[in-house]
Amino acid sequence: MNFNDIIGAAGVGLILLAYFFNTFSLIPKDGRLFFCMNIIGAGLACYASLLINYVPFIILEGIWCLVSVAGFIKLIFKTS
């Protein structure tokens, strides 16, 4: 396993873990942990895709990260 694979696996793992936790109501879908896991996971997966120059996943994970950041910002302003 090379560096790209490790970074990508960690990112995708975080996204899937957030989805699993959400599906089984272990964390709230609009909670900080859910958004943080998605932001970090998508950011890592996007970076790994960038390293291997795989444009479809750069776009997918980049947008996933941005949407998660937007949700996190919305949550912060909602609870303030």
Protein backbone atom coordinates (compact mmCIF):
# COMPACT_ATOMS: atom_id res chain seq x y z
CA MET A 1 0.00 0.00 0.00
CA ASN A 2 1.48 3.35 -0.98
CA PHE A 3 0.93 6.84 0.43
CA ASN A 4 -1.96 7.64 -1.94
CA ASP A 5 -3.79 4.47 -0.91
CA ILE A 6 -3.33 5.14 2.81
CA ILE A 7 -4.59 8.74 2.57
CA GLY A 8 -7.51 7.72 0.33
CA ALA A 9 -8.48 4.78 2.54
CA ALA A 10 -8.40 6.96 5.66
CA GLY A 11 -10.60 9.57 3.97
CA VAL A 12 -13.13 7.14 2.59
CA GLY A 13 -13.11 5.27 5.90
CA LEU A 14 -14.04 8.46 7.78
CA ILE A 15 -16.87 9.23 5.37
CA LEU A 16 -18.25 5.68 5.65
CA LEU A 17 -17.90 5.71 9.44
CA ALA A 18 -19.85 8.98 9.62
CA TYR A 19 -22.54 7.44 7.41
CA PHE A 20 -22.67 4.29 9.56
CA PHE A 21 -22.89 6.30 12.79
CA ASN A 22 -25.64 8.45 11.29
CA THR A 23 -27.61 5.50 9.92
CA PHE A 24 -27.70 3.77 13.30
CA SER A 25 -28.36 7.03 15.18
CA LEU A 26 -25.06 6.88 17.05
CA ILE A 27 -24.41 10.53 16.22
CA PRO A 28 -26.85 13.25 15.15
CA LYS A 29 -26.96 13.96 11.43
CA ASP A 30 -26.71 17.67 12.11
CA GLY A 31 -24.02 17.43 14.77
CA ARG A 32 -20.50 18.81 14.72
CA LEU A 33 -18.89 15.36 14.75
CA PHE A 34 -20.81 14.27 11.64
CA PHE A 35 -19.74 17.37 9.71
CA CYS A 36 -16.13 17.17 10.93
CA MET A 37 -15.83 13.53 9.91
CA ASN A 38 -17.19 14.35 6.45
CA ILE A 39 -14.97 17.43 6.02
CA ILE A 40 -11.79 15.60 7.02
CA GLY A 41 -12.73 12.41 5.17
CA ALA A 42 -13.66 14.17 1.94
CA GLY A 43 -10.61 16.41 2.19
CA LEU A 44 -8.30 13.40 2.52
CA ALA A 45 -10.06 11.52 -0.28
CA CYS A 46 -9.87 14.61 -2.51
CA TYR A 47 -6.16 14.99 -1.76
CA ALA A 48 -5.53 11.31 -2.55
CA SER A 49 -7.43 11.71 -5.83
CA LEU A 50 -5.38 14.80 -6.61
CA LEU A 51 -2.17 12.84 -6.03
CA ILE A 52 -3.19 10.25 -8.63
CA ASN A 53 -4.76 12.90 -10.91
CA TYR A 54 -8.20 11.25 -10.98
CA VAL A 55 -10.42 14.21 -11.88
CA PRO A 56 -13.89 12.67 -11.34
CA PHE A 57 -13.11 11.95 -7.68
CA ILE A 58 -11.33 15.26 -7.21
CA ILE A 59 -14.61 16.92 -8.21
CA LEU A 60 -16.79 14.53 -6.17
CA GLU A 61 -14.77 14.73 -2.97
CA GLY A 62 -14.06 18.45 -3.35
CA ILE A 63 -17.78 19.19 -3.61
CA TRP A 64 -18.53 16.78 -0.75
CA CYS A 65 -16.03 18.66 1.40
CA LEU A 66 -17.43 22.08 0.46
CA VAL A 67 -21.03 21.02 1.14
CA SER A 68 -19.95 19.65 4.52
CA VAL A 69 -18.15 22.89 5.33
CA ALA A 70 -21.29 24.82 4.40
CA GLY A 71 -23.39 22.58 6.66
CA PHE A 72 -20.91 23.02 9.50
CA ILE A 73 -20.97 26.82 9.12
CA LYS A 74 -24.78 26.77 9.04
CA LEU A 75 -24.77 24.69 12.24
CA ILE A 76 -22.38 27.08 13.98
CA PHE A 77 -24.50 30.14 13.14
CA LYS A 78 -27.70 28.30 14.03
CA THR A 79 -26.44 27.41 17.53
CA SER A 80 -24.83 30.79 18.22
